[in-house]
N, C-alpha and C. Protein backbone atom coordinates (compact mmCIF):
# COMPACT_ATOMS: atom_id res chain seq x y z
N UNK A 1 4.19 -12.63 10.76
CA UNK A 1 3.66 -11.97 11.96
C UNK A 1 2.75 -10.84 11.53
N UNK A 2 1.55 -10.83 12.08
CA UNK A 2 0.63 -9.77 11.74
C UNK A 2 0.97 -8.52 12.51
N UNK A 3 0.94 -7.39 11.81
CA UNK A 3 1.27 -6.12 12.43
C UNK A 3 -0.01 -5.36 12.71
N UNK A 4 -0.04 -4.60 13.80
CA UNK A 4 -1.19 -3.77 14.11
C UNK A 4 -1.19 -2.52 13.27
N UNK A 5 -2.39 -2.03 13.01
CA UNK A 5 -2.55 -0.79 12.27
C UNK A 5 -2.93 0.31 13.23
N UNK A 6 -2.58 1.53 12.88
CA UNK A 6 -3.10 2.66 13.63
C UNK A 6 -3.73 3.62 12.65
N UNK A 7 -4.89 4.10 12.99
CA UNK A 7 -5.61 5.02 12.11
C UNK A 7 -5.06 6.42 12.29
N UNK A 8 -4.95 7.15 11.18
CA UNK A 8 -4.55 8.56 11.26
C UNK A 8 -5.80 9.41 11.29
N UNK A 9 -5.67 10.64 11.74
CA UNK A 9 -6.80 11.56 11.75
C UNK A 9 -7.25 11.88 10.34
N UNK A 10 -8.39 12.48 10.23
CA UNK A 10 -8.93 12.85 8.92
C UNK A 10 -7.95 13.76 8.21
N UNK A 11 -8.08 13.89 6.91
CA UNK A 11 -7.15 14.68 6.11
C UNK A 11 -6.98 16.07 6.68
N UNK A 12 -5.72 16.53 6.65
CA UNK A 12 -5.41 17.85 7.15
C UNK A 12 -5.01 17.87 8.60
N UNK A 13 -5.10 16.71 9.30
CA UNK A 13 -4.72 16.65 10.71
C UNK A 13 -3.58 15.68 10.86
N UNK A 14 -2.88 15.76 11.97
CA UNK A 14 -1.74 14.89 12.22
C UNK A 14 -2.19 13.51 12.62
N UNK A 15 -1.30 12.50 12.50
CA UNK A 15 -1.66 11.13 12.82
C UNK A 15 -1.81 10.92 14.31
N UNK A 16 -2.69 10.00 14.69
CA UNK A 16 -2.86 9.67 16.09
C UNK A 16 -1.73 8.79 16.57
N UNK A 17 -1.60 8.70 17.86
CA UNK A 17 -0.63 7.77 18.42
C UNK A 17 -1.12 6.34 18.20
N UNK A 18 -0.20 5.37 18.13
CA UNK A 18 -0.62 3.99 17.95
C UNK A 18 -1.53 3.56 19.10
N UNK A 19 -2.53 2.77 18.76
CA UNK A 19 -3.46 2.29 19.76
C UNK A 19 -3.46 0.77 19.74
N UNK A 20 -3.34 0.15 20.89
CA UNK A 20 -3.27 -1.30 20.95
C UNK A 20 -4.58 -1.90 20.48
N UNK A 21 -4.48 -2.99 19.72
CA UNK A 21 -5.69 -3.67 19.26
C UNK A 21 -6.27 -4.51 20.39
N UNK A 22 -7.60 -4.64 20.41
CA UNK A 22 -8.23 -5.43 21.45
C UNK A 22 -7.80 -6.88 21.37
N UNK A 23 -7.49 -7.45 22.52
CA UNK A 23 -7.15 -8.86 22.55
C UNK A 23 -5.77 -9.17 22.05
N UNK A 24 -4.99 -8.16 21.65
CA UNK A 24 -3.62 -8.40 21.21
C UNK A 24 -3.52 -9.15 19.91
N UNK A 25 -4.54 -9.04 19.06
CA UNK A 25 -4.56 -9.81 17.82
C UNK A 25 -3.91 -9.08 16.67
N UNK A 26 -3.19 -7.99 16.92
CA UNK A 26 -2.44 -7.32 15.88
C UNK A 26 -3.31 -6.67 14.83
N UNK A 27 -2.83 -6.69 13.58
CA UNK A 27 -3.51 -6.00 12.49
C UNK A 27 -4.91 -6.52 12.29
N UNK A 28 -5.14 -7.80 12.51
CA UNK A 28 -6.45 -8.38 12.27
C UNK A 28 -7.51 -7.73 13.12
N UNK A 29 -7.25 -7.58 14.42
CA UNK A 29 -8.21 -6.95 15.31
C UNK A 29 -8.42 -5.49 14.94
N UNK A 30 -7.34 -4.80 14.61
CA UNK A 30 -7.45 -3.40 14.24
C UNK A 30 -8.29 -3.23 12.99
N UNK A 31 -8.07 -4.11 12.02
CA UNK A 31 -8.82 -4.01 10.77
C UNK A 31 -10.31 -4.27 11.00
N UNK A 32 -10.64 -5.18 11.88
CA UNK A 32 -12.04 -5.44 12.17
C UNK A 32 -12.68 -4.28 12.92
N UNK A 33 -11.91 -3.65 13.81
CA UNK A 33 -12.47 -2.64 14.71
C UNK A 33 -12.64 -1.29 14.04
N UNK A 34 -11.87 -1.00 13.00
CA UNK A 34 -11.88 0.33 12.42
C UNK A 34 -12.23 0.26 10.93
N UNK A 35 -13.48 0.48 10.59
CA UNK A 35 -13.85 0.45 9.18
C UNK A 35 -13.12 1.55 8.42
N UNK A 36 -12.84 1.29 7.14
CA UNK A 36 -12.10 2.25 6.35
C UNK A 36 -12.97 3.38 5.85
N UNK A 37 -12.38 4.40 5.26
CA UNK A 37 -13.11 5.57 4.77
C UNK A 37 -13.86 5.34 3.47
N UNK A 38 -13.66 4.21 2.83
CA UNK A 38 -14.36 3.90 1.58
C UNK A 38 -15.55 3.01 1.90
N UNK A 39 -16.74 3.39 1.44
CA UNK A 39 -17.94 2.62 1.75
C UNK A 39 -17.98 1.29 1.00
N UNK A 40 -17.71 1.32 -0.28
CA UNK A 40 -17.73 0.10 -1.07
C UNK A 40 -16.37 -0.56 -1.11
N UNK A 41 -16.21 -1.46 -2.06
CA UNK A 41 -14.94 -2.18 -2.19
C UNK A 41 -13.84 -1.25 -2.72
N UNK A 42 -12.63 -1.51 -2.27
CA UNK A 42 -11.46 -0.83 -2.83
C UNK A 42 -11.08 -1.56 -4.11
N UNK A 43 -11.01 -0.85 -5.20
CA UNK A 43 -10.79 -1.48 -6.50
C UNK A 43 -9.34 -1.47 -6.94
N UNK A 44 -8.63 -0.38 -6.65
CA UNK A 44 -7.24 -0.23 -7.09
C UNK A 44 -6.39 0.21 -5.93
N UNK A 45 -5.21 -0.39 -5.81
CA UNK A 45 -4.22 0.00 -4.80
C UNK A 45 -3.01 0.56 -5.53
N UNK A 46 -2.81 1.88 -5.43
CA UNK A 46 -1.62 2.50 -6.01
C UNK A 46 -0.49 2.43 -4.99
N UNK A 47 0.72 2.17 -5.49
CA UNK A 47 1.88 1.99 -4.62
C UNK A 47 3.08 2.74 -5.14
N UNK A 48 3.75 3.43 -4.25
CA UNK A 48 5.08 3.94 -4.54
C UNK A 48 6.06 2.77 -4.38
N UNK A 49 7.31 2.97 -4.78
CA UNK A 49 8.31 1.90 -4.65
C UNK A 49 9.34 2.24 -3.57
N UNK A 50 10.23 3.17 -3.85
CA UNK A 50 11.32 3.47 -2.92
C UNK A 50 10.78 4.12 -1.65
N UNK A 51 11.02 3.48 -0.52
CA UNK A 51 10.51 3.97 0.74
C UNK A 51 9.11 3.50 1.04
N UNK A 52 8.56 2.63 0.19
CA UNK A 52 7.23 2.04 0.42
C UNK A 52 7.32 0.53 0.25
N UNK A 53 7.56 0.11 -0.98
CA UNK A 53 7.81 -1.32 -1.22
C UNK A 53 9.23 -1.72 -0.84
N UNK A 54 10.11 -0.75 -0.71
CA UNK A 54 11.49 -1.02 -0.27
C UNK A 54 11.77 -0.20 0.98
N UNK A 55 12.94 -0.45 1.57
CA UNK A 55 13.33 0.31 2.76
C UNK A 55 13.91 1.68 2.43
N UNK A 56 13.90 2.03 1.17
CA UNK A 56 14.38 3.34 0.75
C UNK A 56 15.86 3.40 0.42
N UNK A 57 16.55 2.30 0.61
CA UNK A 57 17.99 2.26 0.31
C UNK A 57 18.18 1.87 -1.16
N UNK A 58 18.98 2.63 -1.88
CA UNK A 58 19.29 2.34 -3.28
C UNK A 58 20.78 2.03 -3.38
N UNK A 59 21.08 0.87 -3.91
CA UNK A 59 22.48 0.49 -4.11
C UNK A 59 22.82 0.45 -5.59
N UNK A 60 24.09 0.64 -5.88
CA UNK A 60 24.53 0.64 -7.27
C UNK A 60 25.76 -0.24 -7.44
N UNK A 61 25.76 -0.98 -8.52
CA UNK A 61 26.97 -1.67 -8.96
C UNK A 61 27.47 -0.92 -10.19
N UNK A 62 28.51 -1.41 -10.80
CA UNK A 62 29.03 -0.76 -12.00
C UNK A 62 28.02 -0.83 -13.14
N UNK A 63 27.21 -1.89 -13.16
CA UNK A 63 26.31 -2.12 -14.28
C UNK A 63 24.84 -1.81 -14.00
N UNK A 64 24.44 -1.79 -12.74
CA UNK A 64 23.01 -1.65 -12.47
C UNK A 64 22.78 -1.11 -11.06
N UNK A 65 21.52 -1.17 -10.64
CA UNK A 65 21.13 -0.76 -9.29
C UNK A 65 20.51 -1.95 -8.58
N UNK A 66 20.31 -1.83 -7.28
CA UNK A 66 19.62 -2.91 -6.57
C UNK A 66 18.82 -2.35 -5.42
N UNK A 67 17.78 -3.10 -5.03
CA UNK A 67 16.88 -2.73 -3.94
C UNK A 67 16.66 -3.96 -3.06
N UNK A 68 16.18 -3.71 -1.86
CA UNK A 68 15.74 -4.79 -0.97
C UNK A 68 14.22 -4.84 -0.98
N UNK A 69 13.66 -5.97 -1.36
CA UNK A 69 12.22 -6.17 -1.33
C UNK A 69 11.88 -7.23 -0.29
N UNK A 70 10.72 -7.06 0.35
CA UNK A 70 10.30 -7.95 1.43
C UNK A 70 9.37 -9.01 0.86
N UNK A 71 9.67 -10.27 1.12
CA UNK A 71 8.92 -11.36 0.49
C UNK A 71 7.45 -11.33 0.87
N UNK A 72 7.11 -10.92 2.09
CA UNK A 72 5.70 -10.92 2.50
C UNK A 72 4.90 -9.86 1.76
N UNK A 73 5.55 -8.76 1.42
CA UNK A 73 4.86 -7.74 0.63
C UNK A 73 4.50 -8.30 -0.74
N UNK A 74 5.44 -8.98 -1.37
CA UNK A 74 5.18 -9.55 -2.68
C UNK A 74 4.09 -10.59 -2.66
N UNK A 75 4.09 -11.45 -1.66
CA UNK A 75 3.06 -12.48 -1.54
C UNK A 75 1.69 -11.84 -1.39
N UNK A 76 1.62 -10.80 -0.57
CA UNK A 76 0.34 -10.12 -0.36
C UNK A 76 -0.18 -9.49 -1.64
N UNK A 77 0.70 -8.96 -2.46
CA UNK A 77 0.26 -8.35 -3.72
C UNK A 77 -0.28 -9.41 -4.68
N UNK A 78 0.23 -10.62 -4.59
CA UNK A 78 -0.35 -11.73 -5.35
C UNK A 78 -1.79 -11.97 -4.91
N UNK A 79 -2.02 -11.98 -3.61
CA UNK A 79 -3.39 -12.17 -3.09
C UNK A 79 -4.30 -11.07 -3.59
N UNK A 80 -3.82 -9.83 -3.51
CA UNK A 80 -4.64 -8.69 -3.93
C UNK A 80 -5.09 -8.85 -5.37
N UNK A 81 -4.15 -9.12 -6.25
CA UNK A 81 -4.47 -9.25 -7.67
C UNK A 81 -5.47 -10.38 -7.91
N UNK A 82 -5.26 -11.50 -7.23
CA UNK A 82 -6.14 -12.66 -7.42
C UNK A 82 -7.55 -12.41 -6.91
N UNK A 83 -7.71 -11.49 -5.96
CA UNK A 83 -9.01 -11.27 -5.33
C UNK A 83 -9.66 -9.95 -5.74
N UNK A 84 -9.28 -9.44 -6.89
CA UNK A 84 -10.00 -8.30 -7.45
C UNK A 84 -9.54 -6.93 -6.99
N UNK A 85 -8.43 -6.87 -6.26
CA UNK A 85 -7.85 -5.59 -5.86
C UNK A 85 -6.61 -5.38 -6.72
N UNK A 86 -6.69 -4.47 -7.67
CA UNK A 86 -5.62 -4.31 -8.66
C UNK A 86 -4.47 -3.47 -8.09
N UNK A 87 -3.28 -4.06 -7.92
CA UNK A 87 -2.12 -3.25 -7.49
C UNK A 87 -1.48 -2.59 -8.71
N UNK A 88 -1.21 -1.30 -8.58
CA UNK A 88 -0.55 -0.56 -9.65
C UNK A 88 0.59 0.24 -9.04
N UNK A 89 1.79 -0.03 -9.49
CA UNK A 89 2.98 0.64 -8.98
C UNK A 89 3.29 1.87 -9.83
N UNK A 90 3.47 3.01 -9.17
CA UNK A 90 3.86 4.23 -9.88
C UNK A 90 5.04 4.84 -9.14
N UNK A 91 6.18 4.93 -9.81
CA UNK A 91 7.40 5.42 -9.17
C UNK A 91 8.03 6.54 -9.98
N UNK A 92 8.61 7.47 -9.28
CA UNK A 92 9.29 8.57 -9.95
C UNK A 92 10.65 8.20 -10.48
N UNK A 93 11.19 7.06 -10.08
CA UNK A 93 12.52 6.65 -10.52
C UNK A 93 12.43 5.45 -11.46
N UNK A 94 13.27 5.47 -12.48
CA UNK A 94 13.44 4.30 -13.33
C UNK A 94 14.47 3.39 -12.68
N UNK A 95 14.29 2.08 -12.80
CA UNK A 95 15.19 1.15 -12.13
C UNK A 95 15.10 -0.22 -12.76
N UNK A 96 16.24 -0.79 -13.13
CA UNK A 96 16.26 -2.15 -13.66
C UNK A 96 15.86 -3.15 -12.58
N UNK A 97 16.28 -2.91 -11.35
CA UNK A 97 15.94 -3.82 -10.26
C UNK A 97 14.44 -3.84 -10.01
N UNK A 98 13.81 -2.67 -10.04
CA UNK A 98 12.37 -2.60 -9.84
C UNK A 98 11.63 -3.24 -11.01
N UNK A 99 12.11 -3.01 -12.22
CA UNK A 99 11.50 -3.66 -13.38
C UNK A 99 11.51 -5.17 -13.22
N UNK A 100 12.64 -5.70 -12.74
CA UNK A 100 12.75 -7.15 -12.56
C UNK A 100 11.78 -7.65 -11.49
N UNK A 101 11.63 -6.89 -10.40
CA UNK A 101 10.71 -7.29 -9.33
C UNK A 101 9.26 -7.23 -9.80
N UNK A 102 8.90 -6.21 -10.55
CA UNK A 102 7.54 -6.13 -11.07
C UNK A 102 7.24 -7.28 -12.02
N UNK A 103 8.22 -7.63 -12.85
CA UNK A 103 8.03 -8.76 -13.75
C UNK A 103 7.89 -10.06 -12.97
N UNK A 104 8.68 -10.20 -11.91
CA UNK A 104 8.61 -11.39 -11.08
C UNK A 104 7.23 -11.55 -10.45
N UNK A 105 6.64 -10.45 -10.01
CA UNK A 105 5.33 -10.48 -9.36
C UNK A 105 4.17 -10.32 -10.34
N UNK A 106 4.49 -10.08 -11.63
CA UNK A 106 3.47 -9.86 -12.65
C UNK A 106 2.59 -8.67 -12.29
N UNK A 107 3.23 -7.59 -11.85
CA UNK A 107 2.51 -6.39 -11.45
C UNK A 107 2.55 -5.33 -12.54
N UNK A 108 1.47 -4.58 -12.63
CA UNK A 108 1.45 -3.43 -13.52
C UNK A 108 2.25 -2.30 -12.87
N UNK A 109 3.16 -1.70 -13.62
CA UNK A 109 3.99 -0.67 -13.03
C UNK A 109 4.43 0.38 -14.03
N UNK A 110 4.62 1.61 -13.53
CA UNK A 110 5.06 2.73 -14.35
C UNK A 110 6.21 3.40 -13.62
N UNK A 111 7.37 3.41 -14.24
CA UNK A 111 8.58 3.92 -13.60
C UNK A 111 9.08 5.18 -14.32
N UNK A 112 9.80 6.01 -13.57
CA UNK A 112 10.29 7.26 -14.13
C UNK A 112 9.17 8.24 -14.43
N UNK A 113 8.12 8.21 -13.60
CA UNK A 113 6.93 9.03 -13.82
C UNK A 113 7.07 10.38 -13.11
N UNK A 114 6.87 11.46 -13.83
CA UNK A 114 6.94 12.79 -13.22
C UNK A 114 5.60 13.19 -12.59
N UNK A 115 4.52 12.81 -13.22
CA UNK A 115 3.19 13.20 -12.75
C UNK A 115 2.40 11.94 -12.40
N UNK A 116 2.40 11.57 -11.13
CA UNK A 116 1.73 10.34 -10.71
C UNK A 116 0.21 10.43 -10.87
N UNK A 117 -0.34 11.61 -10.66
CA UNK A 117 -1.78 11.77 -10.80
C UNK A 117 -2.22 11.52 -12.25
N UNK A 118 -1.50 12.08 -13.19
CA UNK A 118 -1.84 11.89 -14.61
C UNK A 118 -1.75 10.42 -14.99
N UNK A 119 -0.73 9.73 -14.49
CA UNK A 119 -0.58 8.31 -14.78
C UNK A 119 -1.74 7.53 -14.18
N UNK A 120 -2.10 7.86 -12.95
CA UNK A 120 -3.21 7.17 -12.28
C UNK A 120 -4.52 7.39 -13.02
N UNK A 121 -4.74 8.59 -13.54
CA UNK A 121 -5.98 8.88 -14.26
C UNK A 121 -6.14 7.99 -15.48
N UNK A 122 -5.03 7.67 -16.14
CA UNK A 122 -5.11 6.79 -17.30
C UNK A 122 -5.54 5.38 -16.88
N UNK A 123 -5.03 4.93 -15.74
CA UNK A 123 -5.44 3.62 -15.23
C UNK A 123 -6.92 3.63 -14.87
N UNK A 124 -7.38 4.70 -14.22
CA UNK A 124 -8.77 4.79 -13.82
C UNK A 124 -9.70 4.80 -15.04
N UNK A 125 -9.32 5.53 -16.07
CA UNK A 125 -10.14 5.59 -17.28
C UNK A 125 -10.25 4.21 -17.93
N UNK A 126 -9.15 3.50 -17.97
CA UNK A 126 -9.16 2.17 -18.55
C UNK A 126 -10.03 1.19 -17.76
N UNK A 127 -9.95 1.29 -16.42
CA UNK A 127 -10.67 0.36 -15.55
C UNK A 127 -12.10 0.80 -15.25
N UNK A 128 -12.45 2.04 -15.58
CA UNK A 128 -13.77 2.54 -15.25
C UNK A 128 -13.97 2.71 -13.75
N UNK A 129 -12.95 3.20 -13.06
CA UNK A 129 -12.96 3.35 -11.60
C UNK A 129 -12.73 4.81 -11.24
N UNK A 130 -13.39 5.26 -10.17
CA UNK A 130 -13.20 6.62 -9.66
C UNK A 130 -12.10 6.63 -8.61
N UNK A 131 -11.49 7.79 -8.38
CA UNK A 131 -10.47 7.92 -7.35
C UNK A 131 -11.00 7.49 -5.98
N UNK A 132 -12.29 7.74 -5.74
CA UNK A 132 -12.86 7.41 -4.44
C UNK A 132 -12.85 5.94 -4.10
N UNK A 133 -12.69 5.08 -5.10
CA UNK A 133 -12.64 3.64 -4.87
C UNK A 133 -11.22 3.10 -4.87
N UNK A 134 -10.25 4.00 -4.65
CA UNK A 134 -8.84 3.61 -4.69
C UNK A 134 -8.14 3.92 -3.37
N UNK A 135 -7.08 3.17 -3.12
CA UNK A 135 -6.17 3.45 -2.00
C UNK A 135 -4.80 3.74 -2.57
N UNK A 136 -4.00 4.43 -1.79
CA UNK A 136 -2.63 4.75 -2.20
C UNK A 136 -1.73 4.64 -0.99
N UNK A 137 -0.59 3.96 -1.15
CA UNK A 137 0.41 3.86 -0.09
C UNK A 137 1.63 4.67 -0.50
N UNK A 138 2.04 5.61 0.36
CA UNK A 138 3.19 6.43 0.03
C UNK A 138 4.01 6.77 1.25
N UNK A 139 5.11 7.49 1.00
CA UNK A 139 6.03 7.80 2.09
C UNK A 139 6.62 9.20 2.03
N UNK A 140 6.60 9.86 0.85
CA UNK A 140 7.31 11.13 0.75
C UNK A 140 6.53 12.10 -0.14
N UNK A 141 7.05 13.29 -0.28
CA UNK A 141 6.35 14.38 -0.94
C UNK A 141 5.85 14.07 -2.36
N UNK A 142 6.60 13.33 -3.20
CA UNK A 142 6.07 13.03 -4.52
C UNK A 142 4.77 12.23 -4.52
N UNK A 143 4.41 11.65 -3.38
CA UNK A 143 3.19 10.85 -3.28
C UNK A 143 1.98 11.66 -2.85
N UNK A 144 2.20 12.88 -2.36
CA UNK A 144 1.12 13.64 -1.73
C UNK A 144 -0.03 13.93 -2.68
N UNK A 145 0.24 14.40 -3.88
CA UNK A 145 -0.83 14.78 -4.80
C UNK A 145 -1.77 13.62 -5.08
N UNK A 146 -1.22 12.43 -5.31
CA UNK A 146 -2.07 11.28 -5.59
C UNK A 146 -2.79 10.82 -4.32
N UNK A 147 -2.11 10.85 -3.20
CA UNK A 147 -2.74 10.45 -1.94
C UNK A 147 -3.93 11.35 -1.61
N UNK A 148 -3.85 12.63 -1.95
CA UNK A 148 -4.94 13.56 -1.65
C UNK A 148 -6.17 13.30 -2.52
N UNK A 149 -6.02 12.58 -3.59
CA UNK A 149 -7.14 12.34 -4.50
C UNK A 149 -7.85 11.01 -4.25
N UNK A 150 -7.15 10.02 -3.71
CA UNK A 150 -7.77 8.72 -3.53
C UNK A 150 -8.68 8.72 -2.31
N UNK A 151 -9.57 7.73 -2.26
CA UNK A 151 -10.48 7.64 -1.13
C UNK A 151 -9.83 7.19 0.15
N UNK A 152 -8.72 6.45 0.02
CA UNK A 152 -8.07 5.90 1.21
C UNK A 152 -6.55 6.10 1.12
N UNK A 153 -6.05 7.24 1.56
CA UNK A 153 -4.60 7.48 1.56
C UNK A 153 -3.95 6.81 2.77
N UNK A 154 -2.89 6.09 2.54
CA UNK A 154 -2.22 5.31 3.58
C UNK A 154 -0.73 5.65 3.59
N UNK A 155 -0.18 5.90 4.77
CA UNK A 155 1.24 6.20 4.91
C UNK A 155 1.94 5.04 5.59
N UNK A 156 3.17 4.77 5.19
CA UNK A 156 3.99 3.81 5.91
C UNK A 156 4.44 4.45 7.22
N UNK A 157 4.83 3.63 8.18
CA UNK A 157 5.12 4.12 9.53
C UNK A 157 6.20 5.18 9.56
N UNK A 158 7.19 5.08 8.68
CA UNK A 158 8.30 6.02 8.69
C UNK A 158 8.20 7.07 7.58
N UNK A 159 6.97 7.39 7.18
CA UNK A 159 6.76 8.42 6.17
C UNK A 159 7.11 9.80 6.72
N UNK A 160 7.28 10.76 5.83
CA UNK A 160 7.59 12.13 6.25
C UNK A 160 6.33 12.77 6.84
N UNK A 161 6.48 13.81 7.66
CA UNK A 161 5.33 14.42 8.34
C UNK A 161 4.22 14.88 7.40
N UNK A 162 4.58 15.40 6.23
CA UNK A 162 3.56 15.88 5.30
C UNK A 162 2.66 14.75 4.81
N UNK A 163 3.23 13.57 4.65
CA UNK A 163 2.44 12.41 4.24
C UNK A 163 1.61 11.89 5.40
N UNK A 164 2.18 11.86 6.58
CA UNK A 164 1.45 11.41 7.75
C UNK A 164 0.22 12.27 8.01
N UNK A 165 0.33 13.55 7.73
CA UNK A 165 -0.78 14.47 8.01
C UNK A 165 -2.01 14.18 7.15
N UNK A 166 -1.80 13.75 5.91
CA UNK A 166 -2.95 13.53 5.03
C UNK A 166 -3.43 12.10 5.02
N UNK A 167 -2.68 11.20 5.64
CA UNK A 167 -3.05 9.78 5.63
C UNK A 167 -4.27 9.52 6.50
N UNK A 168 -5.14 8.64 6.04
CA UNK A 168 -6.25 8.19 6.85
C UNK A 168 -5.85 6.97 7.69
N UNK A 169 -4.81 6.29 7.26
CA UNK A 169 -4.28 5.15 8.00
C UNK A 169 -2.76 5.18 7.92
N UNK A 170 -2.11 4.83 9.01
CA UNK A 170 -0.65 4.73 9.06
C UNK A 170 -0.31 3.31 9.52
N UNK A 171 0.57 2.66 8.79
CA UNK A 171 0.92 1.29 9.14
C UNK A 171 1.79 1.24 10.39
N UNK A 172 1.76 0.12 11.06
CA UNK A 172 2.70 -0.14 12.16
C UNK A 172 4.08 -0.50 11.60
N UNK A 173 4.08 -1.30 10.54
CA UNK A 173 5.35 -1.75 9.95
C UNK A 173 5.99 -0.62 9.15
N UNK A 174 7.33 -0.56 9.15
CA UNK A 174 8.01 0.44 8.33
C UNK A 174 8.09 0.01 6.87
N UNK A 175 8.50 0.93 6.04
CA UNK A 175 8.64 0.65 4.62
C UNK A 175 9.61 -0.49 4.38
N UNK A 176 9.26 -1.35 3.43
CA UNK A 176 10.14 -2.45 3.06
C UNK A 176 10.25 -3.54 4.07
N UNK A 177 9.41 -3.51 5.12
CA UNK A 177 9.45 -4.54 6.16
C UNK A 177 8.04 -4.98 6.54
N UNK A 178 7.17 -5.09 5.55
CA UNK A 178 5.84 -5.61 5.80
C UNK A 178 4.72 -4.59 5.79
N UNK A 179 5.02 -3.33 5.51
CA UNK A 179 3.97 -2.32 5.49
C UNK A 179 2.92 -2.64 4.42
N UNK A 180 3.37 -3.06 3.25
CA UNK A 180 2.43 -3.36 2.18
C UNK A 180 1.64 -4.63 2.49
N UNK A 181 2.27 -5.61 3.10
CA UNK A 181 1.55 -6.81 3.55
C UNK A 181 0.42 -6.43 4.50
N UNK A 182 0.72 -5.52 5.40
CA UNK A 182 -0.24 -5.02 6.37
C UNK A 182 -1.42 -4.33 5.67
N UNK A 183 -1.11 -3.50 4.71
CA UNK A 183 -2.14 -2.77 3.98
C UNK A 183 -3.03 -3.72 3.19
N UNK A 184 -2.44 -4.68 2.51
CA UNK A 184 -3.24 -5.60 1.70
C UNK A 184 -4.21 -6.38 2.57
N UNK A 185 -3.75 -6.87 3.71
CA UNK A 185 -4.68 -7.58 4.60
C UNK A 185 -5.83 -6.66 5.01
N UNK A 186 -5.51 -5.43 5.38
CA UNK A 186 -6.54 -4.49 5.79
C UNK A 186 -7.56 -4.25 4.69
N UNK A 187 -7.08 -4.05 3.46
CA UNK A 187 -7.99 -3.78 2.35
C UNK A 187 -8.82 -5.01 1.97
N UNK A 188 -8.22 -6.18 2.03
CA UNK A 188 -8.98 -7.39 1.72
C UNK A 188 -10.02 -7.67 2.80
N UNK A 189 -9.71 -7.34 4.03
CA UNK A 189 -10.72 -7.46 5.08
C UNK A 189 -11.86 -6.47 4.80
N UNK A 190 -11.51 -5.26 4.43
CA UNK A 190 -12.52 -4.27 4.07
C UNK A 190 -13.39 -4.78 2.93
N UNK A 191 -12.78 -5.40 1.94
CA UNK A 191 -13.50 -5.94 0.78
C UNK A 191 -14.20 -7.26 1.07
N UNK A 192 -14.01 -7.78 2.27
CA UNK A 192 -14.61 -9.05 2.71
C UNK A 192 -14.14 -10.24 1.88
N UNK A 193 -12.88 -10.20 1.50
CA UNK A 193 -12.30 -11.33 0.76
C UNK A 193 -11.12 -11.96 1.49
N UNK A 194 -10.78 -11.45 2.67
CA UNK A 194 -9.62 -11.96 3.39
C UNK A 194 -9.77 -13.43 3.77
N UNK A 195 -10.99 -13.88 4.08
CA UNK A 195 -11.18 -15.27 4.47
C UNK A 195 -10.78 -16.22 3.35
N UNK A 196 -10.84 -15.76 2.11
CA UNK A 196 -10.42 -16.62 1.00
C UNK A 196 -8.92 -16.85 1.01
N UNK A 197 -8.17 -15.87 1.48
CA UNK A 197 -6.72 -16.07 1.65
C UNK A 197 -6.47 -17.11 2.74
N UNK A 198 -7.16 -16.97 3.86
CA UNK A 198 -6.97 -17.91 4.97
C UNK A 198 -7.37 -19.33 4.57
N UNK A 199 -8.44 -19.44 3.82
CA UNK A 199 -8.88 -20.77 3.37
C UNK A 199 -7.84 -21.41 2.47
N UNK A 200 -7.20 -20.61 1.65
CA UNK A 200 -6.19 -21.14 0.72
C UNK A 200 -5.06 -21.83 1.48
N UNK A 201 -4.72 -21.30 2.67
CA UNK A 201 -3.60 -21.84 3.44
C UNK A 201 -4.07 -22.64 4.66
N UNK A 202 -5.36 -23.00 4.66
CA UNK A 202 -5.93 -23.76 5.77
C UNK A 202 -5.69 -23.05 7.10
N UNK A 203 -5.84 -21.73 7.08
CA UNK A 203 -5.58 -20.92 8.27
C UNK A 203 -6.80 -20.11 8.65
N UNK A 204 -7.98 -20.55 8.24
CA UNK A 204 -9.19 -19.79 8.51
C UNK A 204 -9.40 -19.63 9.99
N UNK A 205 -9.78 -18.42 10.41
CA UNK A 205 -9.96 -18.12 11.82
C UNK A 205 -11.21 -18.76 12.37
């Protein structure tokens, strides 16, 4: 199910109320109607894990930890990587469960990171990309510094107020329930590569 997007106000202002997409077409209509803040293609998508790729719940067994991941988010990240939008996961927590999920999706990831901005700068230097050509999806205070530097800061629907204030876009879907799927579709539409996803599944509009 496609989720609608709602745009947040410019940096430093609070998020707008959700606005219905024309024709009831969900995220697709919203993505077409509201161009993003980046003029060119989005090259890198930085992602937090807990409270962004997951619902924020952390469970523990005697031997390890576990998380809930949403299958549509993972599928969307496959599309992103295949179509030239590099997903990079940066998390402040180390986790065996997250390591396993990143390996399953073949995603680049850095866990147990204290300084997300410094880690992101290393990725940018390697890829030859500026912060202005990047997006970041976050939910809580440790994400703020990196979100303030990228060209397209995005908050999940249930992010904390400080994150919502700096976001240029806020998802309709909550964390761990399709927010990242929503973001990837939006960014691929912005990059004009979304039709290639639809063609792959014989679902072209």
